[in-house]
């Protein structure tokens, strides 16, 4: 089961995006898979680790960095080597102008709590050094990004995501709570997806 748990994102996101061409199906399938695997493994108690514990220094650093992710993406958008048919590709995945706000809301409000509990709370352990799961977490994003960015940028994105996974895990190790990492994850998801929405959907 531990290895199945680590491969779950690759299976769910891969099937949703590559087989069914549907971002909603990929995301919801991933989330249902998390709950099923954790329920079967009797590890749902890890959700208790989301209890609010606020350390002002860690919170400020993590939350500001997360907001900067979307801001930098928005400001640097025109310098990125993105395909000219990006909007068409997003629409083909079910991300239309009407559905984008709902997708952003669901992604930002649900995904961070599940992923932080799953990856940082259950699978990754408490090492102060980078661990394999940091790269497994970043690696499944390749399935999403490979359709849109060149190899060099893909490698950079994987490294940034692995660094974020490591950083959030260190905050969990220091505070004993996933609350600050989950809010940071929420802010990163919201800011990044909002930047993509504002840059691709005609207003």
N, C-alpha and C. Protein backbone atom coordinates (compact mmCIF):
# COMPACT_ATOMS: atom_id res chain seq x y z
N UNK A 1 0.80 -1.22 0.00
CA UNK A 1 0.00 0.00 0.00
C UNK A 1 0.84 1.28 0.00
N UNK A 2 1.96 1.36 0.74
CA UNK A 2 2.75 2.60 0.69
C UNK A 2 3.19 2.96 -0.72
N UNK A 3 3.61 1.97 -1.52
CA UNK A 3 4.05 2.29 -2.87
C UNK A 3 2.87 2.67 -3.75
N UNK A 4 1.73 2.01 -3.55
CA UNK A 4 0.53 2.40 -4.28
C UNK A 4 0.16 3.84 -3.93
N UNK A 5 0.30 4.18 -2.66
CA UNK A 5 -0.01 5.54 -2.22
C UNK A 5 0.90 6.55 -2.92
N UNK A 6 2.16 6.20 -3.09
CA UNK A 6 3.10 7.11 -3.73
C UNK A 6 2.86 7.23 -5.23
N UNK A 7 2.31 6.19 -5.83
CA UNK A 7 2.05 6.21 -7.27
C UNK A 7 0.66 6.73 -7.61
N UNK A 8 -0.21 6.85 -6.61
CA UNK A 8 -1.58 7.27 -6.84
C UNK A 8 -1.70 8.55 -7.66
N UNK A 9 -0.97 9.63 -7.33
CA UNK A 9 -1.11 10.86 -8.12
C UNK A 9 -0.79 10.65 -9.60
N UNK A 10 0.22 9.84 -9.87
CA UNK A 10 0.60 9.58 -11.26
C UNK A 10 -0.51 8.84 -11.99
N UNK A 11 -1.14 7.88 -11.32
CA UNK A 11 -2.22 7.11 -11.93
C UNK A 11 -3.46 7.98 -12.14
N UNK A 12 -3.87 8.69 -11.11
CA UNK A 12 -5.10 9.49 -11.18
C UNK A 12 -4.97 10.64 -12.17
N UNK A 13 -3.89 11.40 -12.04
CA UNK A 13 -3.69 12.55 -12.93
C UNK A 13 -3.40 12.09 -14.35
N UNK A 14 -2.62 11.02 -14.49
CA UNK A 14 -2.33 10.49 -15.81
C UNK A 14 -3.58 10.04 -16.54
N UNK A 15 -4.43 9.28 -15.86
CA UNK A 15 -5.68 8.82 -16.47
C UNK A 15 -6.59 10.00 -16.80
N UNK A 16 -6.73 10.92 -15.86
CA UNK A 16 -7.62 12.05 -16.06
C UNK A 16 -7.21 12.95 -17.21
N UNK A 17 -5.92 13.24 -17.30
CA UNK A 17 -5.44 14.18 -18.33
C UNK A 17 -5.12 13.51 -19.66
N UNK A 18 -4.42 12.39 -19.60
CA UNK A 18 -3.92 11.78 -20.83
C UNK A 18 -4.93 10.86 -21.50
N UNK A 19 -5.76 10.20 -20.70
CA UNK A 19 -6.74 9.28 -21.28
C UNK A 19 -8.09 9.95 -21.52
N UNK A 20 -8.55 10.71 -20.52
CA UNK A 20 -9.88 11.31 -20.62
C UNK A 20 -9.86 12.79 -20.97
N UNK A 21 -8.68 13.41 -21.02
CA UNK A 21 -8.56 14.84 -21.36
C UNK A 21 -9.49 15.71 -20.52
N UNK A 22 -9.46 15.50 -19.21
CA UNK A 22 -10.36 16.24 -18.34
C UNK A 22 -9.67 16.59 -17.03
N UNK A 23 -9.44 17.88 -16.82
CA UNK A 23 -8.74 18.32 -15.61
C UNK A 23 -9.57 18.07 -14.36
N UNK A 24 -10.88 18.24 -14.47
CA UNK A 24 -11.75 17.98 -13.33
C UNK A 24 -11.67 16.53 -12.89
N UNK A 25 -11.74 15.63 -13.86
CA UNK A 25 -11.69 14.20 -13.55
C UNK A 25 -10.36 13.83 -12.91
N UNK A 26 -9.27 14.41 -13.42
CA UNK A 26 -7.95 14.14 -12.85
C UNK A 26 -7.89 14.59 -11.39
N UNK A 27 -8.37 15.79 -11.12
CA UNK A 27 -8.28 16.35 -9.77
C UNK A 27 -9.18 15.61 -8.78
N UNK A 28 -10.43 15.42 -9.16
CA UNK A 28 -11.37 14.77 -8.25
C UNK A 28 -11.00 13.30 -8.06
N UNK A 29 -10.54 12.64 -9.13
CA UNK A 29 -10.09 11.26 -9.01
C UNK A 29 -8.91 11.14 -8.06
N UNK A 30 -8.00 12.09 -8.14
CA UNK A 30 -6.84 12.13 -7.24
C UNK A 30 -7.30 12.28 -5.79
N UNK A 31 -8.23 13.18 -5.55
CA UNK A 31 -8.70 13.43 -4.19
C UNK A 31 -9.47 12.23 -3.62
N UNK A 32 -10.31 11.63 -4.44
CA UNK A 32 -11.02 10.43 -3.99
C UNK A 32 -10.02 9.32 -3.69
N UNK A 33 -9.01 9.20 -4.54
CA UNK A 33 -7.97 8.19 -4.32
C UNK A 33 -7.24 8.40 -3.01
N UNK A 34 -6.92 9.65 -2.68
CA UNK A 34 -6.26 9.95 -1.41
C UNK A 34 -7.10 9.44 -0.23
N UNK A 35 -8.38 9.77 -0.25
CA UNK A 35 -9.25 9.38 0.85
C UNK A 35 -9.42 7.86 0.93
N UNK A 36 -9.53 7.21 -0.22
CA UNK A 36 -9.68 5.75 -0.23
C UNK A 36 -8.43 5.06 0.28
N UNK A 37 -7.27 5.49 -0.20
CA UNK A 37 -6.01 4.87 0.22
C UNK A 37 -5.76 5.10 1.71
N UNK A 38 -5.99 6.32 2.17
CA UNK A 38 -5.78 6.60 3.59
C UNK A 38 -6.80 5.87 4.46
N UNK A 39 -8.03 5.78 3.96
CA UNK A 39 -9.03 5.04 4.71
C UNK A 39 -8.69 3.56 4.80
N UNK A 40 -8.26 2.98 3.69
CA UNK A 40 -7.89 1.56 3.68
C UNK A 40 -6.68 1.31 4.58
N UNK A 41 -5.76 2.27 4.61
CA UNK A 41 -4.55 2.13 5.42
C UNK A 41 -4.77 2.55 6.88
N UNK A 42 -5.98 2.99 7.18
CA UNK A 42 -6.33 3.44 8.53
C UNK A 42 -5.40 4.58 8.99
N UNK A 43 -5.19 5.51 8.09
CA UNK A 43 -4.31 6.65 8.41
C UNK A 43 -5.04 7.99 8.33
N UNK A 44 -6.38 7.94 8.31
CA UNK A 44 -7.14 9.18 8.25
C UNK A 44 -6.91 10.06 9.48
N UNK A 45 -6.41 9.46 10.55
CA UNK A 45 -6.13 10.26 11.76
C UNK A 45 -5.08 11.33 11.51
N UNK A 46 -4.31 11.20 10.43
CA UNK A 46 -3.31 12.23 10.12
C UNK A 46 -3.94 13.59 9.84
N UNK A 47 -5.23 13.61 9.51
CA UNK A 47 -5.89 14.89 9.29
C UNK A 47 -5.92 15.74 10.56
N UNK A 48 -5.74 15.11 11.71
CA UNK A 48 -5.66 15.88 12.96
C UNK A 48 -4.45 16.80 12.97
N UNK A 49 -3.46 16.48 12.14
CA UNK A 49 -2.25 17.29 12.09
C UNK A 49 -2.50 18.67 11.49
N UNK A 50 -3.69 18.87 10.93
CA UNK A 50 -4.05 20.17 10.38
C UNK A 50 -4.50 21.16 11.45
N UNK A 51 -4.51 20.72 12.70
CA UNK A 51 -4.96 21.60 13.78
C UNK A 51 -4.20 22.93 13.74
N UNK A 52 -4.89 24.03 13.97
CA UNK A 52 -4.22 25.34 13.89
C UNK A 52 -3.13 25.52 14.93
N UNK A 53 -1.93 25.74 14.46
CA UNK A 53 -0.79 26.14 15.29
C UNK A 53 -0.11 27.27 14.53
N UNK A 54 -0.06 28.44 15.12
CA UNK A 54 0.45 29.60 14.39
C UNK A 54 1.78 30.06 14.95
N UNK A 55 2.80 29.99 14.11
CA UNK A 55 4.12 30.54 14.43
C UNK A 55 4.30 31.74 13.49
N UNK A 56 4.23 32.97 13.99
CA UNK A 56 4.21 34.15 13.12
C UNK A 56 5.35 34.21 12.12
N UNK A 57 6.56 33.86 12.54
CA UNK A 57 7.70 33.93 11.63
C UNK A 57 7.59 32.98 10.47
N UNK A 58 7.32 31.70 10.76
CA UNK A 58 7.16 30.71 9.70
C UNK A 58 5.96 31.04 8.82
N UNK A 59 4.87 31.49 9.44
CA UNK A 59 3.66 31.80 8.67
C UNK A 59 3.93 32.94 7.69
N UNK A 60 4.55 34.00 8.16
CA UNK A 60 4.82 35.14 7.29
C UNK A 60 5.71 34.75 6.12
N UNK A 61 6.78 34.02 6.41
CA UNK A 61 7.70 33.62 5.35
C UNK A 61 7.02 32.71 4.33
N UNK A 62 6.34 31.69 4.81
CA UNK A 62 5.72 30.72 3.91
C UNK A 62 4.60 31.34 3.10
N UNK A 63 3.78 32.15 3.72
CA UNK A 63 2.62 32.70 3.03
C UNK A 63 3.02 33.77 2.03
N UNK A 64 4.02 34.58 2.35
CA UNK A 64 4.48 35.59 1.40
C UNK A 64 5.10 34.92 0.17
N UNK A 65 5.94 33.92 0.39
CA UNK A 65 6.56 33.21 -0.73
C UNK A 65 5.50 32.57 -1.63
N UNK A 66 4.45 32.03 -1.03
CA UNK A 66 3.40 31.40 -1.82
C UNK A 66 2.65 32.41 -2.68
N UNK A 67 2.37 33.57 -2.13
CA UNK A 67 1.71 34.62 -2.92
C UNK A 67 2.60 35.12 -4.05
N UNK A 68 3.90 35.16 -3.78
CA UNK A 68 4.85 35.61 -4.81
C UNK A 68 4.87 34.66 -6.00
N UNK A 69 4.58 33.39 -5.77
CA UNK A 69 4.60 32.42 -6.87
C UNK A 69 3.65 32.84 -7.98
N UNK A 70 2.42 33.15 -7.62
CA UNK A 70 1.45 33.57 -8.62
C UNK A 70 1.76 34.93 -9.20
N UNK A 71 2.23 35.85 -8.35
CA UNK A 71 2.55 37.20 -8.82
C UNK A 71 3.68 37.16 -9.84
N UNK A 72 4.72 36.40 -9.55
CA UNK A 72 5.85 36.29 -10.49
C UNK A 72 5.42 35.62 -11.79
N UNK A 73 4.55 34.62 -11.69
CA UNK A 73 4.05 33.98 -12.91
C UNK A 73 3.27 34.96 -13.76
N UNK A 74 2.44 35.75 -13.12
CA UNK A 74 1.64 36.74 -13.85
C UNK A 74 2.53 37.79 -14.52
N UNK A 75 3.50 38.31 -13.77
CA UNK A 75 4.36 39.37 -14.30
C UNK A 75 5.32 38.86 -15.37
N UNK A 76 5.76 37.61 -15.24
CA UNK A 76 6.72 37.08 -16.20
C UNK A 76 6.10 36.27 -17.32
N UNK A 77 4.78 36.31 -17.42
CA UNK A 77 4.06 35.45 -18.36
C UNK A 77 4.55 35.59 -19.80
N UNK A 78 4.73 36.82 -20.24
CA UNK A 78 5.10 37.06 -21.64
C UNK A 78 6.50 36.56 -21.98
N UNK A 79 7.31 36.32 -20.97
CA UNK A 79 8.66 35.82 -21.22
C UNK A 79 8.76 34.31 -21.20
N UNK A 80 7.66 33.62 -20.95
CA UNK A 80 7.68 32.17 -20.87
C UNK A 80 7.46 31.54 -22.25
N UNK A 81 8.12 30.44 -22.53
CA UNK A 81 7.98 29.77 -23.83
C UNK A 81 6.75 28.88 -23.88
N UNK A 82 5.58 29.51 -23.82
CA UNK A 82 4.33 28.76 -23.79
C UNK A 82 3.78 28.59 -25.21
N UNK A 83 3.05 27.52 -25.46
CA UNK A 83 2.50 27.28 -26.80
C UNK A 83 1.45 28.32 -27.17
N UNK A 84 1.35 28.63 -28.44
CA UNK A 84 0.40 29.63 -28.90
C UNK A 84 -1.05 29.16 -28.75
N UNK A 85 -1.24 27.85 -28.70
CA UNK A 85 -2.60 27.31 -28.58
C UNK A 85 -2.92 26.91 -27.14
N UNK A 86 -2.30 27.57 -26.18
CA UNK A 86 -2.49 27.22 -24.77
C UNK A 86 -3.96 27.30 -24.37
N UNK A 87 -4.64 28.37 -24.78
CA UNK A 87 -6.05 28.53 -24.41
C UNK A 87 -6.89 27.38 -24.95
N UNK A 88 -6.62 26.99 -26.18
CA UNK A 88 -7.37 25.87 -26.79
C UNK A 88 -7.11 24.58 -26.01
N UNK A 89 -5.86 24.38 -25.62
CA UNK A 89 -5.51 23.17 -24.86
C UNK A 89 -6.23 23.15 -23.51
N UNK A 90 -6.30 24.30 -22.85
CA UNK A 90 -6.97 24.36 -21.55
C UNK A 90 -8.47 24.11 -21.69
N UNK A 91 -9.05 24.67 -22.73
CA UNK A 91 -10.48 24.45 -22.97
C UNK A 91 -10.76 22.97 -23.24
N UNK A 92 -9.85 22.31 -23.97
CA UNK A 92 -10.03 20.89 -24.26
C UNK A 92 -9.97 20.03 -23.00
N UNK A 93 -9.36 20.57 -21.94
CA UNK A 93 -9.28 19.86 -20.66
C UNK A 93 -10.47 20.18 -19.75
N UNK A 94 -11.41 20.97 -20.27
CA UNK A 94 -12.59 21.32 -19.49
C UNK A 94 -12.47 22.62 -18.74
N UNK A 95 -11.40 23.38 -19.01
CA UNK A 95 -11.18 24.65 -18.31
C UNK A 95 -11.60 25.80 -19.21
N UNK A 96 -12.90 26.05 -19.23
CA UNK A 96 -13.46 27.13 -20.03
C UNK A 96 -13.55 28.40 -19.19
N UNK A 97 -13.90 29.49 -19.84
CA UNK A 97 -14.04 30.74 -19.10
C UNK A 97 -15.06 30.65 -17.98
N UNK A 98 -16.12 29.85 -18.20
CA UNK A 98 -17.16 29.71 -17.18
C UNK A 98 -16.74 28.78 -16.04
N UNK A 99 -15.96 27.74 -16.36
CA UNK A 99 -15.61 26.75 -15.33
C UNK A 99 -14.35 27.11 -14.55
N UNK A 100 -13.51 27.97 -15.10
CA UNK A 100 -12.25 28.31 -14.44
C UNK A 100 -12.44 28.79 -12.99
N UNK A 101 -13.33 29.75 -12.73
CA UNK A 101 -13.48 30.21 -11.33
C UNK A 101 -13.87 29.08 -10.38
N UNK A 102 -14.73 28.18 -10.82
CA UNK A 102 -15.13 27.05 -9.98
C UNK A 102 -13.96 26.10 -9.76
N UNK A 103 -13.17 25.90 -10.81
CA UNK A 103 -12.00 25.02 -10.71
C UNK A 103 -10.99 25.61 -9.72
N UNK A 104 -10.74 26.91 -9.83
CA UNK A 104 -9.81 27.58 -8.92
C UNK A 104 -10.30 27.47 -7.48
N UNK A 105 -11.59 27.71 -7.27
CA UNK A 105 -12.14 27.65 -5.92
C UNK A 105 -12.00 26.25 -5.33
N UNK A 106 -12.38 25.25 -6.10
CA UNK A 106 -12.28 23.87 -5.59
C UNK A 106 -10.83 23.49 -5.35
N UNK A 107 -9.98 23.78 -6.32
CA UNK A 107 -8.56 23.42 -6.22
C UNK A 107 -7.92 24.07 -4.99
N UNK A 108 -8.16 25.36 -4.82
CA UNK A 108 -7.50 26.08 -3.73
C UNK A 108 -8.06 25.73 -2.36
N UNK A 109 -9.35 25.46 -2.28
CA UNK A 109 -9.98 25.23 -0.98
C UNK A 109 -9.93 23.77 -0.52
N UNK A 110 -9.77 22.84 -1.44
CA UNK A 110 -9.79 21.42 -1.09
C UNK A 110 -8.42 20.77 -1.21
N UNK A 111 -7.75 21.01 -2.33
CA UNK A 111 -6.50 20.31 -2.62
C UNK A 111 -5.41 20.47 -1.55
N UNK A 112 -5.14 21.68 -1.04
CA UNK A 112 -4.03 21.84 -0.08
C UNK A 112 -4.18 21.00 1.17
N UNK A 113 -5.38 20.91 1.72
CA UNK A 113 -5.58 20.17 2.96
C UNK A 113 -5.36 18.67 2.76
N UNK A 114 -5.82 18.17 1.61
CA UNK A 114 -5.63 16.75 1.31
C UNK A 114 -4.17 16.44 1.02
N UNK A 115 -3.54 17.27 0.18
CA UNK A 115 -2.16 16.98 -0.21
C UNK A 115 -1.18 17.13 0.95
N UNK A 116 -1.36 18.14 1.76
CA UNK A 116 -0.43 18.31 2.88
C UNK A 116 -0.55 17.15 3.87
N UNK A 117 -1.77 16.72 4.14
CA UNK A 117 -1.96 15.58 5.03
C UNK A 117 -1.36 14.32 4.41
N UNK A 118 -1.59 14.14 3.13
CA UNK A 118 -1.16 12.94 2.42
C UNK A 118 0.36 12.88 2.30
N UNK A 119 0.95 13.94 1.76
CA UNK A 119 2.38 13.93 1.46
C UNK A 119 3.24 14.27 2.67
N UNK A 120 2.97 15.38 3.32
CA UNK A 120 3.80 15.80 4.44
C UNK A 120 3.41 15.09 5.74
N UNK A 121 2.11 14.91 5.96
CA UNK A 121 1.69 14.31 7.21
C UNK A 121 1.88 12.81 7.29
N UNK A 122 1.67 12.12 6.15
CA UNK A 122 1.71 10.66 6.17
C UNK A 122 2.96 10.08 5.50
N UNK A 123 3.23 10.45 4.26
CA UNK A 123 4.21 9.72 3.46
C UNK A 123 5.66 10.16 3.64
N UNK A 124 5.90 11.41 3.99
CA UNK A 124 7.25 11.95 3.83
C UNK A 124 8.17 11.83 5.04
N UNK A 125 7.66 11.64 6.23
CA UNK A 125 8.54 11.56 7.39
C UNK A 125 9.01 12.93 7.85
N UNK A 126 9.95 12.94 8.79
CA UNK A 126 10.36 14.20 9.44
C UNK A 126 11.83 14.53 9.26
N UNK A 127 12.46 14.01 8.22
CA UNK A 127 13.87 14.29 8.00
C UNK A 127 14.09 15.77 7.70
N UNK A 128 15.21 16.31 8.15
CA UNK A 128 15.54 17.69 7.83
C UNK A 128 16.17 17.81 6.45
N UNK A 129 16.49 16.68 5.84
CA UNK A 129 17.10 16.66 4.52
C UNK A 129 16.05 16.35 3.46
N UNK A 130 16.32 16.69 2.21
CA UNK A 130 15.40 16.29 1.14
C UNK A 130 15.21 14.78 1.11
N UNK A 131 13.99 14.35 0.88
CA UNK A 131 13.68 12.93 0.83
C UNK A 131 13.05 12.59 -0.52
N UNK A 132 12.99 11.30 -0.80
CA UNK A 132 12.48 10.82 -2.08
C UNK A 132 11.06 11.33 -2.35
N UNK A 133 10.25 11.39 -1.29
CA UNK A 133 8.86 11.82 -1.45
C UNK A 133 8.74 13.28 -1.88
N UNK A 134 9.71 14.11 -1.54
CA UNK A 134 9.69 15.50 -2.03
C UNK A 134 9.70 15.53 -3.55
N UNK A 135 10.49 14.64 -4.13
CA UNK A 135 10.61 14.60 -5.59
C UNK A 135 9.46 13.82 -6.22
N UNK A 136 8.91 12.84 -5.49
CA UNK A 136 7.71 12.17 -5.99
C UNK A 136 6.54 13.15 -6.06
N UNK A 137 6.44 14.01 -5.05
CA UNK A 137 5.39 15.03 -5.04
C UNK A 137 5.56 15.97 -6.23
N UNK A 138 6.76 16.45 -6.45
CA UNK A 138 6.98 17.37 -7.57
C UNK A 138 6.87 16.65 -8.91
N UNK A 139 7.25 15.36 -8.92
CA UNK A 139 7.31 14.63 -10.18
C UNK A 139 5.99 14.44 -10.87
N UNK A 140 4.91 14.25 -10.11
CA UNK A 140 3.64 14.00 -10.79
C UNK A 140 3.13 15.24 -11.52
N UNK A 141 3.64 16.41 -11.14
CA UNK A 141 3.26 17.63 -11.85
C UNK A 141 3.80 17.65 -13.28
N UNK A 142 4.78 16.79 -13.55
CA UNK A 142 5.31 16.68 -14.92
C UNK A 142 4.20 16.29 -15.88
N UNK A 143 3.30 15.41 -15.44
CA UNK A 143 2.20 14.97 -16.29
C UNK A 143 1.34 16.16 -16.71
N UNK A 144 1.21 17.13 -15.83
CA UNK A 144 0.42 18.33 -16.12
C UNK A 144 1.19 19.30 -17.01
N UNK A 145 2.44 19.53 -16.68
CA UNK A 145 3.22 20.59 -17.33
C UNK A 145 3.83 20.19 -18.66
N UNK A 146 4.05 18.89 -18.88
CA UNK A 146 4.78 18.45 -20.06
C UNK A 146 4.08 18.85 -21.35
N UNK A 147 2.78 19.07 -21.28
CA UNK A 147 2.02 19.47 -22.47
C UNK A 147 2.25 20.93 -22.83
N UNK A 148 2.82 21.70 -21.89
CA UNK A 148 2.84 23.14 -22.09
C UNK A 148 4.21 23.80 -22.06
N UNK A 149 5.22 23.17 -21.45
CA UNK A 149 6.51 23.83 -21.31
C UNK A 149 7.65 22.95 -21.82
N UNK A 150 8.75 23.56 -22.31
CA UNK A 150 9.91 22.80 -22.77
C UNK A 150 10.60 22.07 -21.63
N UNK A 151 11.50 21.16 -21.99
CA UNK A 151 12.15 20.28 -21.03
C UNK A 151 12.92 21.05 -19.96
N UNK A 152 13.66 22.08 -20.35
CA UNK A 152 14.45 22.84 -19.38
C UNK A 152 13.55 23.50 -18.34
N UNK A 153 12.47 24.09 -18.78
CA UNK A 153 11.53 24.72 -17.85
C UNK A 153 10.80 23.68 -17.01
N UNK A 154 10.59 22.53 -17.60
CA UNK A 154 9.96 21.44 -16.85
C UNK A 154 10.85 20.99 -15.70
N UNK A 155 12.14 20.86 -15.97
CA UNK A 155 13.10 20.48 -14.92
C UNK A 155 13.16 21.54 -13.83
N UNK A 156 13.13 22.81 -14.23
CA UNK A 156 13.14 23.91 -13.25
C UNK A 156 11.90 23.85 -12.36
N UNK A 157 10.74 23.60 -12.97
CA UNK A 157 9.50 23.52 -12.21
C UNK A 157 9.54 22.37 -11.20
N UNK A 158 10.09 21.23 -11.62
CA UNK A 158 10.19 20.08 -10.72
C UNK A 158 11.08 20.42 -9.53
N UNK A 159 12.18 21.10 -9.77
CA UNK A 159 13.09 21.48 -8.68
C UNK A 159 12.43 22.47 -7.73
N UNK A 160 11.69 23.43 -8.27
CA UNK A 160 11.00 24.41 -7.42
C UNK A 160 9.94 23.73 -6.56
N UNK A 161 9.19 22.82 -7.16
CA UNK A 161 8.14 22.11 -6.42
C UNK A 161 8.73 21.20 -5.35
N UNK A 162 9.85 20.55 -5.66
CA UNK A 162 10.52 19.71 -4.67
C UNK A 162 11.03 20.56 -3.51
N UNK A 163 11.56 21.75 -3.83
CA UNK A 163 12.02 22.66 -2.78
C UNK A 163 10.85 23.12 -1.91
N UNK A 164 9.71 23.39 -2.54
CA UNK A 164 8.52 23.78 -1.78
C UNK A 164 8.07 22.65 -0.86
N UNK A 165 8.09 21.42 -1.38
CA UNK A 165 7.71 20.25 -0.57
C UNK A 165 8.64 20.12 0.64
N UNK A 166 9.93 20.27 0.39
CA UNK A 166 10.91 20.19 1.49
C UNK A 166 10.66 21.31 2.51
N UNK A 167 10.45 22.53 2.02
CA UNK A 167 10.25 23.68 2.91
C UNK A 167 9.00 23.51 3.77
N UNK A 168 7.90 23.12 3.15
CA UNK A 168 6.66 22.92 3.92
C UNK A 168 6.83 21.79 4.93
N UNK A 169 7.60 20.79 4.56
CA UNK A 169 7.85 19.67 5.48
C UNK A 169 8.67 20.13 6.69
N UNK A 170 9.60 21.06 6.47
CA UNK A 170 10.40 21.59 7.57
C UNK A 170 9.54 22.41 8.53
N UNK A 171 8.59 23.15 7.98
CA UNK A 171 7.68 23.90 8.85
C UNK A 171 6.86 22.94 9.70
N UNK A 172 6.40 21.86 9.09
CA UNK A 172 5.67 20.83 9.84
C UNK A 172 6.56 20.23 10.93
N UNK A 173 7.81 19.99 10.58
CA UNK A 173 8.75 19.41 11.56
C UNK A 173 8.98 20.36 12.73
N UNK A 174 9.04 21.65 12.43
CA UNK A 174 9.31 22.64 13.47
C UNK A 174 8.09 22.93 14.35
N UNK A 175 6.91 22.96 13.74
CA UNK A 175 5.72 23.38 14.47
C UNK A 175 4.85 22.22 14.94
N UNK A 176 5.03 21.04 14.34
CA UNK A 176 4.19 19.90 14.69
C UNK A 176 2.79 19.98 14.14
N UNK A 177 2.56 20.92 13.23
CA UNK A 177 1.23 21.11 12.65
C UNK A 177 1.36 21.35 11.14
N UNK A 178 0.35 20.90 10.40
CA UNK A 178 0.32 21.12 8.96
C UNK A 178 -0.46 22.38 8.59
N UNK A 179 -0.86 23.15 9.59
CA UNK A 179 -1.72 24.30 9.32
C UNK A 179 -1.02 25.35 8.47
N UNK A 180 0.17 25.77 8.87
CA UNK A 180 0.90 26.79 8.10
C UNK A 180 1.23 26.28 6.70
N UNK A 181 1.76 25.06 6.54
CA UNK A 181 2.01 24.55 5.18
C UNK A 181 0.74 24.47 4.33
N UNK A 182 -0.38 24.08 4.93
CA UNK A 182 -1.62 23.95 4.16
C UNK A 182 -2.10 25.31 3.66
N UNK A 183 -2.02 26.33 4.51
CA UNK A 183 -2.40 27.68 4.08
C UNK A 183 -1.44 28.18 3.01
N UNK A 184 -0.14 27.89 3.18
CA UNK A 184 0.84 28.27 2.15
C UNK A 184 0.53 27.58 0.83
N UNK A 185 0.19 26.32 0.90
CA UNK A 185 -0.18 25.55 -0.29
C UNK A 185 -1.42 26.15 -0.94
N UNK A 186 -2.40 26.51 -0.12
CA UNK A 186 -3.62 27.14 -0.61
C UNK A 186 -3.31 28.44 -1.35
N UNK A 187 -2.47 29.27 -0.75
CA UNK A 187 -2.13 30.55 -1.37
C UNK A 187 -1.35 30.36 -2.66
N UNK A 188 -0.47 29.37 -2.69
CA UNK A 188 0.28 29.09 -3.91
C UNK A 188 -0.65 28.61 -5.01
N UNK A 189 -1.52 27.66 -4.69
CA UNK A 189 -2.47 27.15 -5.69
C UNK A 189 -3.36 28.27 -6.21
N UNK A 190 -3.90 29.06 -5.30
CA UNK A 190 -4.81 30.13 -5.70
C UNK A 190 -4.11 31.18 -6.55
N UNK A 191 -2.94 31.60 -6.13
CA UNK A 191 -2.24 32.67 -6.86
C UNK A 191 -1.78 32.19 -8.23
N UNK A 192 -1.30 30.97 -8.32
CA UNK A 192 -0.82 30.44 -9.61
C UNK A 192 -1.97 30.23 -10.58
N UNK A 193 -3.04 29.60 -10.12
CA UNK A 193 -4.18 29.35 -11.01
C UNK A 193 -4.86 30.65 -11.41
N UNK A 194 -4.92 31.61 -10.50
CA UNK A 194 -5.52 32.90 -10.84
C UNK A 194 -4.68 33.62 -11.88
N UNK A 195 -3.36 33.53 -11.76
CA UNK A 195 -2.47 34.14 -12.76
C UNK A 195 -2.71 33.51 -14.13
N UNK A 196 -2.83 32.19 -14.19
CA UNK A 196 -3.08 31.51 -15.46
C UNK A 196 -4.43 31.94 -16.03
N UNK A 197 -5.43 32.00 -15.17
CA UNK A 197 -6.78 32.41 -15.60
C UNK A 197 -6.76 33.83 -16.18
N UNK A 198 -6.13 34.75 -15.47
CA UNK A 198 -6.10 36.14 -15.93
C UNK A 198 -5.31 36.31 -17.22
N UNK A 199 -4.33 35.45 -17.43
CA UNK A 199 -3.49 35.56 -18.62
C UNK A 199 -4.03 34.81 -19.84
N UNK A 200 -4.99 33.93 -19.62
CA UNK A 200 -5.46 33.10 -20.75
C UNK A 200 -6.92 33.33 -21.12
N UNK A 201 -7.73 33.74 -20.17
CA UNK A 201 -9.16 33.89 -20.44
C UNK A 201 -9.49 35.35 -20.71
N UNK A 202 -10.03 35.67 -21.88
CA UNK A 202 -10.40 37.06 -22.18
C UNK A 202 -11.46 37.55 -21.19
N UNK A 203 -11.21 38.71 -20.61
CA UNK A 203 -12.15 39.27 -19.63
C UNK A 203 -13.05 40.32 -20.27
